[in-house]
Amino acid sequence: MLTWQAIVTVVTFISVIFLLITEWLHFMIAAFLGSALALMLAHHSKIDTVKNILSDVDWSTLIFFMCIFVIISGLEKTGVIASMSGLLAILLGKNIAVASIVLLFFVGLVSSVVPNIPLVVAMVPLLKQYVVNVGLAGSEILSPDFAGQLPEIVLPLFYAMMFGATLGGNGTLVGASSNIVAAGVAEQYGKRISFKKFLSYGIPVMILQLVVAAIYVILRFLIW
């Protein structure tokens, strides 16, 4: 039989998921409320102390991601991303086929050393600026409030970017959020995963996955 603590926990979890899906509240507020209720429940039911729960949080990983997002935002605000999009326009022009494959492998390599979440955050405005610069889309897509559909001709670029960012993160220990979190948890339990050890397994897997993704993009978007 379920205890009242278990029932309250399940209800809290379902409520937070409901708020995230319906967007009745901002996702940060919904997550904060869920966390606060969970801590109150743990404290009131004496499951564990708030101090012990907070000490189990992997703060170093959270701070790492905060710093990465600050760096990415700095690159965007200082115009570095806009300059890079201009360089893409010069090097690749309107050749979507070549641009997609180059982008897939380039983003894949970068994603192996930069966590994929902040990388995608940086690449989306860069790609939007690029397709505007080469005349494949209107400037309205650069608006933060843009909610329309991108031109079908530029979709291979965004799919290639997503494949590269997702699969490239498998190459190194710092390439994906899950890698960093898993390494942090493993270290807490005395099982440290070294960068070199992960690299020996990750790089071959990453290369194979990027090649398969490139074949898929070519067949799915550029030939059929």
N, C-alpha and C. Protein backbone atom coordinates (compact mmCIF):
# COMPACT_ATOMS: atom_id res chain seq x y z
N MET A 1 0.85 -1.20 0.00
CA MET A 1 0.00 0.00 0.00
C MET A 1 0.88 1.24 0.00
N LEU A 2 0.49 2.22 -0.82
CA LEU A 2 1.28 3.44 -0.92
C LEU A 2 1.13 4.30 0.32
N THR A 3 2.23 4.85 0.77
CA THR A 3 2.20 5.78 1.89
C THR A 3 1.77 7.16 1.40
N TRP A 4 1.40 8.03 2.35
CA TRP A 4 0.99 9.38 1.95
C TRP A 4 2.15 10.14 1.34
N GLN A 5 3.38 9.84 1.77
CA GLN A 5 4.54 10.51 1.19
C GLN A 5 4.70 10.14 -0.29
N ALA A 6 4.49 8.85 -0.59
CA ALA A 6 4.60 8.41 -1.99
C ALA A 6 3.52 9.04 -2.84
N ILE A 7 2.32 9.13 -2.28
CA ILE A 7 1.20 9.72 -3.03
C ILE A 7 1.47 11.20 -3.33
N VAL A 8 1.95 11.92 -2.32
CA VAL A 8 2.25 13.35 -2.50
C VAL A 8 3.37 13.53 -3.52
N THR A 9 4.36 12.67 -3.48
CA THR A 9 5.48 12.74 -4.43
C THR A 9 5.00 12.54 -5.85
N VAL A 10 4.16 11.53 -6.07
CA VAL A 10 3.63 11.25 -7.41
C VAL A 10 2.78 12.41 -7.90
N VAL A 11 1.93 12.95 -7.03
CA VAL A 11 1.08 14.09 -7.40
C VAL A 11 1.92 15.31 -7.75
N THR A 12 2.97 15.55 -6.97
CA THR A 12 3.87 16.68 -7.25
C THR A 12 4.55 16.52 -8.61
N PHE A 13 5.04 15.31 -8.87
CA PHE A 13 5.72 15.03 -10.14
C PHE A 13 4.77 15.24 -11.32
N ILE A 14 3.57 14.68 -11.22
CA ILE A 14 2.59 14.81 -12.31
C ILE A 14 2.20 16.28 -12.50
N SER A 15 2.06 17.02 -11.41
CA SER A 15 1.69 18.43 -11.49
C SER A 15 2.75 19.24 -12.21
N VAL A 16 4.02 18.97 -11.90
CA VAL A 16 5.12 19.70 -12.55
C VAL A 16 5.15 19.39 -14.05
N ILE A 17 5.01 18.11 -14.41
CA ILE A 17 4.98 17.73 -15.82
C ILE A 17 3.82 18.41 -16.53
N PHE A 18 2.66 18.46 -15.87
CA PHE A 18 1.48 19.11 -16.45
C PHE A 18 1.74 20.59 -16.70
N LEU A 19 2.37 21.26 -15.73
CA LEU A 19 2.66 22.69 -15.89
C LEU A 19 3.68 22.93 -17.00
N LEU A 20 4.65 22.03 -17.14
CA LEU A 20 5.64 22.17 -18.21
C LEU A 20 5.01 21.97 -19.58
N ILE A 21 4.09 21.02 -19.69
CA ILE A 21 3.47 20.74 -20.99
C ILE A 21 2.49 21.84 -21.38
N THR A 22 1.67 22.26 -20.43
CA THR A 22 0.63 23.27 -20.73
C THR A 22 1.19 24.69 -20.77
N GLU A 23 2.39 24.89 -20.17
CA GLU A 23 3.03 26.21 -20.12
C GLU A 23 2.16 27.24 -19.40
N TRP A 24 1.39 26.78 -18.41
CA TRP A 24 0.62 27.72 -17.60
C TRP A 24 1.55 28.62 -16.79
N LEU A 25 2.68 28.05 -16.40
CA LEU A 25 3.72 28.82 -15.71
C LEU A 25 5.02 28.69 -16.50
N HIS A 26 5.89 29.67 -16.32
CA HIS A 26 7.21 29.57 -16.95
C HIS A 26 7.89 28.31 -16.44
N PHE A 27 8.64 27.63 -17.32
CA PHE A 27 9.21 26.34 -16.95
C PHE A 27 10.14 26.43 -15.74
N MET A 28 10.82 27.58 -15.56
CA MET A 28 11.70 27.73 -14.41
C MET A 28 10.90 27.79 -13.12
N ILE A 29 9.75 28.50 -13.16
CA ILE A 29 8.90 28.60 -11.98
C ILE A 29 8.31 27.24 -11.64
N ALA A 30 7.86 26.51 -12.66
CA ALA A 30 7.29 25.17 -12.43
C ALA A 30 8.32 24.24 -11.82
N ALA A 31 9.55 24.26 -12.34
CA ALA A 31 10.61 23.40 -11.81
C ALA A 31 10.98 23.80 -10.38
N PHE A 32 11.01 25.11 -10.13
CA PHE A 32 11.35 25.59 -8.78
C PHE A 32 10.28 25.16 -7.78
N LEU A 33 9.01 25.29 -8.16
CA LEU A 33 7.92 24.89 -7.25
C LEU A 33 8.00 23.39 -6.95
N GLY A 34 8.25 22.60 -8.00
CA GLY A 34 8.36 21.16 -7.79
C GLY A 34 9.51 20.81 -6.86
N SER A 35 10.64 21.47 -7.04
CA SER A 35 11.81 21.21 -6.19
C SER A 35 11.53 21.63 -4.74
N ALA A 36 10.90 22.79 -4.59
CA ALA A 36 10.60 23.28 -3.25
C ALA A 36 9.64 22.34 -2.52
N LEU A 37 8.61 21.87 -3.22
CA LEU A 37 7.66 20.94 -2.60
C LEU A 37 8.33 19.63 -2.23
N ALA A 38 9.23 19.15 -3.09
CA ALA A 38 9.95 17.91 -2.80
C ALA A 38 10.83 18.06 -1.56
N LEU A 39 11.50 19.19 -1.43
CA LEU A 39 12.33 19.43 -0.24
C LEU A 39 11.49 19.53 1.02
N MET A 40 10.34 20.21 0.92
CA MET A 40 9.44 20.33 2.07
C MET A 40 8.93 18.95 2.49
N LEU A 41 8.60 18.12 1.51
CA LEU A 41 8.12 16.77 1.81
C LEU A 41 9.20 15.96 2.50
N ALA A 42 10.43 16.02 1.98
CA ALA A 42 11.54 15.26 2.57
C ALA A 42 11.81 15.71 4.00
N HIS A 43 11.74 17.02 4.23
CA HIS A 43 12.00 17.56 5.57
C HIS A 43 10.88 17.20 6.54
N HIS A 44 9.63 17.35 6.09
CA HIS A 44 8.48 17.11 6.97
C HIS A 44 8.35 15.64 7.33
N SER A 45 8.63 14.76 6.36
CA SER A 45 8.47 13.32 6.60
C SER A 45 9.74 12.69 7.17
N LYS A 46 10.79 13.51 7.35
CA LYS A 46 12.06 13.06 7.90
C LYS A 46 12.71 11.95 7.04
N ILE A 47 12.44 11.98 5.72
CA ILE A 47 13.12 11.05 4.81
C ILE A 47 14.61 11.35 4.79
N ASP A 48 14.93 12.63 4.73
CA ASP A 48 16.31 13.09 4.76
C ASP A 48 16.31 14.57 5.07
N THR A 49 17.45 15.09 5.47
CA THR A 49 17.52 16.52 5.77
C THR A 49 17.77 17.30 4.49
N VAL A 50 17.33 18.55 4.49
CA VAL A 50 17.55 19.41 3.32
C VAL A 50 19.04 19.58 3.07
N LYS A 51 19.82 19.66 4.12
CA LYS A 51 21.27 19.82 3.97
C LYS A 51 21.88 18.64 3.23
N ASN A 52 21.48 17.42 3.59
CA ASN A 52 22.02 16.24 2.92
C ASN A 52 21.60 16.17 1.46
N ILE A 53 20.34 16.54 1.19
CA ILE A 53 19.85 16.52 -0.19
C ILE A 53 20.62 17.50 -1.05
N LEU A 54 20.81 18.73 -0.54
CA LEU A 54 21.53 19.75 -1.31
C LEU A 54 23.01 19.38 -1.49
N SER A 55 23.57 18.66 -0.52
CA SER A 55 24.97 18.27 -0.64
C SER A 55 25.16 17.19 -1.70
N ASP A 56 24.07 16.46 -2.03
CA ASP A 56 24.14 15.43 -3.07
C ASP A 56 24.04 16.01 -4.47
N VAL A 57 23.64 17.28 -4.59
CA VAL A 57 23.54 17.92 -5.90
C VAL A 57 24.93 18.11 -6.49
N ASP A 58 25.08 17.82 -7.76
CA ASP A 58 26.38 17.97 -8.43
C ASP A 58 26.56 19.43 -8.84
N TRP A 59 26.96 20.25 -7.86
CA TRP A 59 27.05 21.70 -8.09
C TRP A 59 28.12 22.05 -9.11
N SER A 60 29.21 21.31 -9.15
CA SER A 60 30.29 21.62 -10.10
C SER A 60 29.79 21.51 -11.54
N THR A 61 28.96 20.50 -11.83
CA THR A 61 28.41 20.35 -13.17
C THR A 61 27.48 21.49 -13.52
N LEU A 62 26.63 21.89 -12.56
CA LEU A 62 25.70 23.00 -12.79
C LEU A 62 26.45 24.30 -13.06
N ILE A 63 27.49 24.56 -12.28
CA ILE A 63 28.28 25.78 -12.47
C ILE A 63 28.99 25.74 -13.82
N PHE A 64 29.47 24.57 -14.21
CA PHE A 64 30.12 24.41 -15.51
C PHE A 64 29.18 24.84 -16.64
N PHE A 65 27.94 24.34 -16.61
CA PHE A 65 26.98 24.69 -17.65
C PHE A 65 26.62 26.17 -17.61
N MET A 66 26.51 26.73 -16.42
CA MET A 66 26.22 28.16 -16.31
C MET A 66 27.31 28.98 -17.00
N CYS A 67 28.55 28.61 -16.77
CA CYS A 67 29.67 29.33 -17.37
C CYS A 67 29.67 29.19 -18.89
N ILE A 68 29.36 27.98 -19.40
CA ILE A 68 29.32 27.76 -20.84
C ILE A 68 28.25 28.65 -21.49
N PHE A 69 27.07 28.73 -20.87
CA PHE A 69 26.00 29.56 -21.41
C PHE A 69 26.37 31.04 -21.40
N VAL A 70 27.11 31.47 -20.37
CA VAL A 70 27.57 32.86 -20.31
C VAL A 70 28.52 33.15 -21.47
N ILE A 71 29.43 32.21 -21.75
CA ILE A 71 30.38 32.38 -22.84
C ILE A 71 29.66 32.47 -24.19
N ILE A 72 28.69 31.57 -24.40
CA ILE A 72 27.94 31.56 -25.66
C ILE A 72 27.17 32.88 -25.83
N SER A 73 26.55 33.34 -24.76
CA SER A 73 25.82 34.61 -24.83
C SER A 73 26.76 35.76 -25.14
N GLY A 74 27.97 35.71 -24.56
CA GLY A 74 28.96 36.75 -24.84
C GLY A 74 29.37 36.77 -26.29
N LEU A 75 29.53 35.57 -26.89
CA LEU A 75 29.86 35.49 -28.32
C LEU A 75 28.76 36.09 -29.19
N GLU A 76 27.52 35.85 -28.78
CA GLU A 76 26.39 36.38 -29.56
C GLU A 76 26.29 37.90 -29.42
N LYS A 77 26.44 38.40 -28.20
CA LYS A 77 26.28 39.83 -27.95
C LYS A 77 27.42 40.65 -28.54
N THR A 78 28.60 40.08 -28.62
CA THR A 78 29.75 40.83 -29.14
C THR A 78 29.87 40.74 -30.66
N GLY A 79 28.96 40.02 -31.31
CA GLY A 79 28.95 39.97 -32.76
C GLY A 79 29.81 38.88 -33.38
N VAL A 80 30.39 38.01 -32.54
CA VAL A 80 31.24 36.94 -33.07
C VAL A 80 30.42 35.97 -33.91
N ILE A 81 29.23 35.63 -33.44
CA ILE A 81 28.38 34.70 -34.17
C ILE A 81 27.95 35.28 -35.51
N ALA A 82 27.62 36.57 -35.52
CA ALA A 82 27.23 37.22 -36.78
C ALA A 82 28.40 37.22 -37.77
N SER A 83 29.61 37.44 -37.27
CA SER A 83 30.78 37.42 -38.15
C SER A 83 31.02 36.03 -38.71
N MET A 84 30.81 35.02 -37.89
CA MET A 84 30.99 33.64 -38.34
C MET A 84 29.96 33.27 -39.41
N SER A 85 28.74 33.78 -39.27
CA SER A 85 27.72 33.50 -40.28
C SER A 85 28.08 34.15 -41.61
N GLY A 86 28.68 35.33 -41.55
CA GLY A 86 29.15 35.99 -42.77
C GLY A 86 30.25 35.19 -43.44
N LEU A 87 31.13 34.59 -42.63
CA LEU A 87 32.20 33.75 -43.18
C LEU A 87 31.62 32.50 -43.85
N LEU A 88 30.59 31.93 -43.25
CA LEU A 88 29.94 30.78 -43.85
C LEU A 88 29.35 31.13 -45.21
N ALA A 89 28.75 32.32 -45.29
CA ALA A 89 28.15 32.75 -46.55
C ALA A 89 29.20 32.88 -47.64
N ILE A 90 30.39 33.34 -47.27
CA ILE A 90 31.47 33.50 -48.26
C ILE A 90 32.01 32.14 -48.70
N LEU A 91 32.23 31.25 -47.74
CA LEU A 91 32.85 29.96 -48.04
C LEU A 91 31.90 28.98 -48.73
N LEU A 92 30.63 28.96 -48.30
CA LEU A 92 29.70 27.94 -48.77
C LEU A 92 28.67 28.45 -49.77
N GLY A 93 28.40 29.75 -49.73
CA GLY A 93 27.42 30.32 -50.64
C GLY A 93 26.05 29.69 -50.46
N LYS A 94 25.37 29.39 -51.58
CA LYS A 94 24.03 28.81 -51.53
C LYS A 94 24.02 27.30 -51.75
N ASN A 95 25.16 26.68 -51.72
CA ASN A 95 25.25 25.24 -51.94
C ASN A 95 24.81 24.50 -50.68
N ILE A 96 23.53 24.20 -50.59
CA ILE A 96 22.97 23.58 -49.39
C ILE A 96 23.53 22.18 -49.17
N ALA A 97 23.75 21.44 -50.25
CA ALA A 97 24.25 20.07 -50.12
C ALA A 97 25.62 20.04 -49.45
N VAL A 98 26.54 20.82 -50.01
CA VAL A 98 27.90 20.87 -49.43
C VAL A 98 27.86 21.46 -48.02
N ALA A 99 27.08 22.53 -47.86
CA ALA A 99 26.98 23.18 -46.55
C ALA A 99 26.47 22.23 -45.48
N SER A 100 25.50 21.39 -45.83
CA SER A 100 24.92 20.46 -44.86
C SER A 100 25.93 19.44 -44.39
N ILE A 101 26.69 18.86 -45.32
CA ILE A 101 27.67 17.84 -44.95
C ILE A 101 28.83 18.45 -44.16
N VAL A 102 29.31 19.61 -44.65
CA VAL A 102 30.40 20.29 -43.93
C VAL A 102 29.94 20.66 -42.52
N LEU A 103 28.71 21.16 -42.43
CA LEU A 103 28.17 21.57 -41.13
C LEU A 103 28.03 20.38 -40.19
N LEU A 104 27.57 19.25 -40.71
CA LEU A 104 27.37 18.06 -39.87
C LEU A 104 28.69 17.63 -39.22
N PHE A 105 29.76 17.54 -40.02
CA PHE A 105 31.04 17.09 -39.47
C PHE A 105 31.70 18.18 -38.63
N PHE A 106 31.56 19.44 -39.04
CA PHE A 106 32.16 20.53 -38.26
C PHE A 106 31.52 20.63 -36.89
N VAL A 107 30.18 20.65 -36.86
CA VAL A 107 29.47 20.74 -35.58
C VAL A 107 29.74 19.48 -34.76
N GLY A 108 29.84 18.33 -35.43
CA GLY A 108 30.15 17.10 -34.70
C GLY A 108 31.49 17.18 -33.99
N LEU A 109 32.50 17.71 -34.66
CA LEU A 109 33.82 17.85 -34.05
C LEU A 109 33.81 18.86 -32.91
N VAL A 110 33.14 19.99 -33.13
CA VAL A 110 33.05 21.01 -32.08
C VAL A 110 32.28 20.47 -30.89
N SER A 111 31.21 19.70 -31.16
CA SER A 111 30.39 19.16 -30.09
C SER A 111 31.14 18.16 -29.24
N SER A 112 32.23 17.63 -29.76
CA SER A 112 33.01 16.68 -28.97
C SER A 112 33.79 17.36 -27.85
N VAL A 113 33.95 18.69 -27.94
CA VAL A 113 34.67 19.42 -26.90
C VAL A 113 33.82 20.50 -26.24
N VAL A 114 32.66 20.80 -26.83
CA VAL A 114 31.73 21.78 -26.27
C VAL A 114 30.40 21.07 -26.02
N PRO A 115 29.83 21.14 -24.83
CA PRO A 115 28.54 20.49 -24.57
C PRO A 115 27.50 20.85 -25.61
N ASN A 116 26.73 19.86 -26.07
CA ASN A 116 25.85 20.07 -27.22
C ASN A 116 24.70 21.05 -26.97
N ILE A 117 24.24 21.18 -25.74
CA ILE A 117 23.12 22.09 -25.48
C ILE A 117 23.52 23.54 -25.74
N PRO A 118 24.57 24.07 -25.10
CA PRO A 118 24.97 25.45 -25.43
C PRO A 118 25.44 25.61 -26.86
N LEU A 119 25.99 24.53 -27.46
CA LEU A 119 26.43 24.62 -28.85
C LEU A 119 25.24 24.85 -29.77
N VAL A 120 24.16 24.12 -29.56
CA VAL A 120 22.95 24.30 -30.37
C VAL A 120 22.37 25.70 -30.16
N VAL A 121 22.40 26.16 -28.91
CA VAL A 121 21.93 27.51 -28.61
C VAL A 121 22.69 28.54 -29.43
N ALA A 122 23.98 28.32 -29.63
CA ALA A 122 24.81 29.24 -30.41
C ALA A 122 24.61 29.05 -31.91
N MET A 123 24.43 27.80 -32.34
CA MET A 123 24.36 27.51 -33.77
C MET A 123 23.04 27.95 -34.42
N VAL A 124 21.95 27.91 -33.68
CA VAL A 124 20.65 28.27 -34.27
C VAL A 124 20.65 29.71 -34.80
N PRO A 125 21.04 30.72 -34.00
CA PRO A 125 21.09 32.07 -34.56
C PRO A 125 22.14 32.23 -35.66
N LEU A 126 23.24 31.47 -35.56
CA LEU A 126 24.27 31.54 -36.60
C LEU A 126 23.72 31.03 -37.94
N LEU A 127 23.02 29.90 -37.91
CA LEU A 127 22.44 29.35 -39.14
C LEU A 127 21.35 30.25 -39.70
N LYS A 128 20.54 30.81 -38.83
CA LYS A 128 19.49 31.73 -39.29
C LYS A 128 20.10 32.93 -40.00
N GLN A 129 21.16 33.48 -39.40
CA GLN A 129 21.82 34.63 -40.02
C GLN A 129 22.46 34.24 -41.35
N TYR A 130 23.00 33.03 -41.42
CA TYR A 130 23.63 32.55 -42.65
C TYR A 130 22.61 32.44 -43.78
N VAL A 131 21.46 31.81 -43.54
CA VAL A 131 20.47 31.63 -44.62
C VAL A 131 19.87 32.97 -45.04
N VAL A 132 19.84 33.93 -44.12
CA VAL A 132 19.39 35.28 -44.49
C VAL A 132 20.44 35.96 -45.35
N ASN A 133 21.71 35.82 -44.98
CA ASN A 133 22.81 36.46 -45.71
C ASN A 133 22.90 35.99 -47.16
N VAL A 134 22.61 34.70 -47.39
CA VAL A 134 22.70 34.16 -48.75
C VAL A 134 21.37 34.25 -49.50
N GLY A 135 20.36 34.85 -48.87
CA GLY A 135 19.10 35.08 -49.54
C GLY A 135 18.15 33.90 -49.63
N LEU A 136 18.33 32.91 -48.78
CA LEU A 136 17.44 31.74 -48.80
C LEU A 136 16.25 31.89 -47.86
N ALA A 137 16.25 32.93 -47.05
CA ALA A 137 15.14 33.18 -46.12
C ALA A 137 15.07 34.67 -45.83
N GLY A 138 13.89 35.10 -45.44
CA GLY A 138 13.71 36.52 -45.11
C GLY A 138 14.24 36.87 -43.74
N SER A 139 14.47 38.15 -43.50
CA SER A 139 15.04 38.59 -42.23
C SER A 139 14.10 38.41 -41.05
N GLU A 140 12.81 38.11 -41.33
CA GLU A 140 11.86 37.94 -40.23
C GLU A 140 12.22 36.73 -39.35
N ILE A 141 12.96 35.76 -39.89
CA ILE A 141 13.30 34.59 -39.07
C ILE A 141 14.30 34.93 -37.97
N LEU A 142 14.93 36.10 -38.06
CA LEU A 142 15.90 36.50 -37.04
C LEU A 142 15.22 37.06 -35.80
N SER A 143 13.93 37.35 -35.90
CA SER A 143 13.21 37.90 -34.75
C SER A 143 13.08 36.85 -33.65
N PRO A 144 13.31 37.24 -32.38
CA PRO A 144 13.14 36.29 -31.27
C PRO A 144 11.71 35.75 -31.17
N ASP A 145 10.75 36.51 -31.70
CA ASP A 145 9.34 36.11 -31.62
C ASP A 145 8.89 35.31 -32.84
N PHE A 146 9.82 34.99 -33.75
CA PHE A 146 9.44 34.27 -34.96
C PHE A 146 8.91 32.88 -34.62
N ALA A 147 7.72 32.57 -35.09
CA ALA A 147 7.10 31.27 -34.81
C ALA A 147 6.62 30.59 -36.08
N GLY A 148 7.07 31.05 -37.23
CA GLY A 148 6.64 30.48 -38.49
C GLY A 148 7.49 29.30 -38.91
N GLN A 149 7.33 28.88 -40.15
CA GLN A 149 8.07 27.75 -40.69
C GLN A 149 9.27 28.23 -41.50
N LEU A 150 10.39 27.55 -41.34
CA LEU A 150 11.56 27.85 -42.14
C LEU A 150 11.35 27.33 -43.56
N PRO A 151 11.93 27.98 -44.57
CA PRO A 151 11.83 27.46 -45.94
C PRO A 151 12.34 26.03 -46.02
N GLU A 152 11.66 25.19 -46.77
CA GLU A 152 12.02 23.77 -46.84
C GLU A 152 13.44 23.57 -47.36
N ILE A 153 13.91 24.47 -48.20
CA ILE A 153 15.22 24.31 -48.81
C ILE A 153 16.36 24.37 -47.78
N VAL A 154 16.12 25.05 -46.64
CA VAL A 154 17.19 25.20 -45.65
C VAL A 154 17.11 24.15 -44.54
N LEU A 155 16.09 23.31 -44.56
CA LEU A 155 15.93 22.32 -43.50
C LEU A 155 17.11 21.35 -43.38
N PRO A 156 17.74 20.92 -44.50
CA PRO A 156 18.92 20.03 -44.35
C PRO A 156 20.01 20.62 -43.47
N LEU A 157 20.17 21.94 -43.50
CA LEU A 157 21.19 22.58 -42.67
C LEU A 157 20.90 22.37 -41.19
N PHE A 158 19.65 22.55 -40.80
CA PHE A 158 19.29 22.46 -39.39
C PHE A 158 19.29 21.00 -38.92
N TYR A 159 18.88 20.08 -39.80
CA TYR A 159 18.96 18.67 -39.44
C TYR A 159 20.42 18.23 -39.30
N ALA A 160 21.26 18.69 -40.21
CA ALA A 160 22.69 18.36 -40.12
C ALA A 160 23.30 18.91 -38.84
N MET A 161 22.91 20.13 -38.49
CA MET A 161 23.42 20.72 -37.25
C MET A 161 22.98 19.91 -36.04
N MET A 162 21.72 19.48 -36.01
CA MET A 162 21.21 18.72 -34.87
C MET A 162 21.87 17.35 -34.77
N PHE A 163 22.05 16.68 -35.92
CA PHE A 163 22.73 15.39 -35.91
C PHE A 163 24.17 15.55 -35.42
N GLY A 164 24.86 16.56 -35.95
CA GLY A 164 26.25 16.79 -35.55
C GLY A 164 26.39 17.08 -34.07
N ALA A 165 25.53 17.95 -33.56
CA ALA A 165 25.61 18.34 -32.15
C ALA A 165 25.28 17.17 -31.24
N THR A 166 24.30 16.36 -31.64
CA THR A 166 23.88 15.23 -30.80
C THR A 166 24.89 14.10 -30.82
N LEU A 167 25.32 13.71 -32.01
CA LEU A 167 26.21 12.55 -32.14
C LEU A 167 27.66 12.89 -31.81
N GLY A 168 28.07 14.11 -32.13
CA GLY A 168 29.45 14.50 -31.83
C GLY A 168 29.74 14.52 -30.35
N GLY A 169 28.70 14.73 -29.55
CA GLY A 169 28.87 14.75 -28.10
C GLY A 169 29.31 13.42 -27.52
N ASN A 170 29.20 12.35 -28.31
CA ASN A 170 29.63 11.03 -27.83
C ASN A 170 31.13 10.84 -27.89
N GLY A 171 31.84 11.78 -28.51
CA GLY A 171 33.27 11.60 -28.72
C GLY A 171 34.14 11.76 -27.49
N THR A 172 33.80 12.73 -26.64
CA THR A 172 34.63 12.99 -25.47
C THR A 172 33.77 13.09 -24.21
N LEU A 173 34.44 13.15 -23.10
CA LEU A 173 33.76 13.19 -21.81
C LEU A 173 32.96 14.48 -21.62
N VAL A 174 33.44 15.58 -22.20
CA VAL A 174 32.77 16.87 -22.00
C VAL A 174 31.84 17.22 -23.16
N GLY A 175 31.65 16.28 -24.08
CA GLY A 175 30.87 16.59 -25.27
C GLY A 175 29.37 16.61 -25.08
N ALA A 176 28.87 15.97 -24.05
CA ALA A 176 27.42 15.91 -23.85
C ALA A 176 27.09 16.08 -22.38
N SER A 177 25.93 16.65 -22.13
CA SER A 177 25.50 16.87 -20.75
C SER A 177 25.45 15.57 -19.97
N SER A 178 24.93 14.52 -20.62
CA SER A 178 24.81 13.23 -19.94
C SER A 178 26.17 12.66 -19.57
N ASN A 179 27.17 12.88 -20.43
CA ASN A 179 28.52 12.40 -20.13
C ASN A 179 29.07 13.06 -18.86
N ILE A 180 28.89 14.38 -18.79
CA ILE A 180 29.42 15.13 -17.65
C ILE A 180 28.71 14.73 -16.36
N VAL A 181 27.40 14.62 -16.45
CA VAL A 181 26.62 14.24 -15.26
C VAL A 181 27.00 12.83 -14.81
N ALA A 182 27.09 11.91 -15.76
CA ALA A 182 27.44 10.52 -15.41
C ALA A 182 28.84 10.45 -14.79
N ALA A 183 29.78 11.22 -15.34
CA ALA A 183 31.13 11.22 -14.79
C ALA A 183 31.15 11.80 -13.38
N GLY A 184 30.34 12.84 -13.17
CA GLY A 184 30.25 13.44 -11.84
C GLY A 184 29.68 12.48 -10.82
N VAL A 185 28.64 11.75 -11.20
CA VAL A 185 28.03 10.76 -10.29
C VAL A 185 29.00 9.63 -10.02
N ALA A 186 29.69 9.17 -11.08
CA ALA A 186 30.65 8.07 -10.92
C ALA A 186 31.78 8.47 -9.96
N GLU A 187 32.22 9.71 -10.08
CA GLU A 187 33.31 10.17 -9.20
C GLU A 187 32.86 10.25 -7.76
N GLN A 188 31.58 10.61 -7.54
CA GLN A 188 31.05 10.66 -6.18
C GLN A 188 31.09 9.30 -5.52
N TYR A 189 30.99 8.24 -6.33
CA TYR A 189 31.01 6.88 -5.81
C TYR A 189 32.38 6.22 -5.96
N GLY A 190 33.40 7.04 -6.19
CA GLY A 190 34.77 6.54 -6.23
C GLY A 190 35.17 5.85 -7.50
N LYS A 191 34.42 5.99 -8.57
CA LYS A 191 34.73 5.36 -9.86
C LYS A 191 35.01 6.45 -10.90
N ARG A 192 36.18 7.01 -10.85
CA ARG A 192 36.51 8.12 -11.74
C ARG A 192 36.70 7.63 -13.17
N ILE A 193 36.08 8.36 -14.12
CA ILE A 193 36.22 8.06 -15.55
C ILE A 193 37.16 9.12 -16.14
N SER A 194 38.32 8.70 -16.60
CA SER A 194 39.30 9.66 -17.12
C SER A 194 38.92 10.11 -18.53
N PHE A 195 39.38 11.29 -18.90
CA PHE A 195 39.12 11.84 -20.24
C PHE A 195 39.71 10.92 -21.30
N LYS A 196 40.93 10.44 -21.07
CA LYS A 196 41.62 9.59 -22.04
C LYS A 196 40.89 8.26 -22.23
N LYS A 197 40.43 7.67 -21.15
CA LYS A 197 39.72 6.39 -21.23
C LYS A 197 38.43 6.53 -22.03
N PHE A 198 37.68 7.60 -21.75
CA PHE A 198 36.44 7.82 -22.49
C PHE A 198 36.73 8.06 -23.96
N LEU A 199 37.82 8.78 -24.24
CA LEU A 199 38.18 9.13 -25.61
C LEU A 199 38.43 7.88 -26.46
N SER A 200 39.05 6.88 -25.88
CA SER A 200 39.39 5.67 -26.63
C SER A 200 38.14 4.93 -27.11
N TYR A 201 37.04 5.07 -26.41
CA TYR A 201 35.79 4.45 -26.83
C TYR A 201 34.92 5.42 -27.63
N GLY A 202 34.96 6.68 -27.24
CA GLY A 202 34.04 7.65 -27.80
C GLY A 202 34.33 8.07 -29.24
N ILE A 203 35.60 8.30 -29.57
CA ILE A 203 35.95 8.79 -30.91
C ILE A 203 35.53 7.83 -32.03
N PRO A 204 35.86 6.52 -31.94
CA PRO A 204 35.41 5.61 -33.01
C PRO A 204 33.89 5.59 -33.18
N VAL A 205 33.18 5.58 -32.05
CA VAL A 205 31.71 5.58 -32.10
C VAL A 205 31.20 6.86 -32.74
N MET A 206 31.79 7.99 -32.37
CA MET A 206 31.37 9.28 -32.92
C MET A 206 31.57 9.34 -34.43
N ILE A 207 32.73 8.91 -34.90
CA ILE A 207 33.01 8.96 -36.34
C ILE A 207 32.02 8.09 -37.12
N LEU A 208 31.78 6.89 -36.63
CA LEU A 208 30.83 5.99 -37.30
C LEU A 208 29.44 6.61 -37.35
N GLN A 209 29.01 7.19 -36.26
CA GLN A 209 27.68 7.78 -36.21
C GLN A 209 27.55 8.98 -37.15
N LEU A 210 28.59 9.80 -37.22
CA LEU A 210 28.55 10.96 -38.11
C LEU A 210 28.50 10.54 -39.57
N VAL A 211 29.22 9.49 -39.92
CA VAL A 211 29.19 8.99 -41.30
C VAL A 211 27.79 8.49 -41.65
N VAL A 212 27.19 7.72 -40.76
CA VAL A 212 25.83 7.22 -40.99
C VAL A 212 24.85 8.37 -41.10
N ALA A 213 24.98 9.38 -40.25
CA ALA A 213 24.09 10.54 -40.28
C ALA A 213 24.25 11.31 -41.59
N ALA A 214 25.49 11.43 -42.07
CA ALA A 214 25.73 12.12 -43.34
C ALA A 214 25.06 11.39 -44.50
N ILE A 215 25.15 10.06 -44.50
CA ILE A 215 24.49 9.28 -45.54
C ILE A 215 22.98 9.48 -45.48
N TYR A 216 22.43 9.51 -44.28
CA TYR A 216 20.99 9.71 -44.12
C TYR A 216 20.56 11.07 -44.64
N VAL A 217 21.31 12.12 -44.28
CA VAL A 217 20.97 13.48 -44.74
C VAL A 217 21.01 13.57 -46.25
N ILE A 218 22.03 12.96 -46.85
CA ILE A 218 22.15 12.99 -48.32
C ILE A 218 20.96 12.29 -48.98
N LEU A 219 20.62 11.10 -48.49
CA LEU A 219 19.53 10.33 -49.08
C LEU A 219 18.17 10.96 -48.80
N ARG A 220 17.97 11.41 -47.58
CA ARG A 220 16.65 11.89 -47.17
C ARG A 220 16.33 13.28 -47.69
N PHE A 221 17.29 14.17 -47.71
CA PHE A 221 17.01 15.57 -48.03
C PHE A 221 17.58 16.04 -49.37
N LEU A 222 18.66 15.43 -49.80
CA LEU A 222 19.36 15.96 -50.97
C LEU A 222 19.19 15.13 -52.24
N ILE A 223 18.67 13.91 -52.11
CA ILE A 223 18.48 13.06 -53.29
C ILE A 223 17.01 12.73 -53.52
N TRP A 224 16.35 12.18 -52.47
CA TRP A 224 14.95 11.79 -52.64
C TRP A 224 14.03 12.97 -52.72
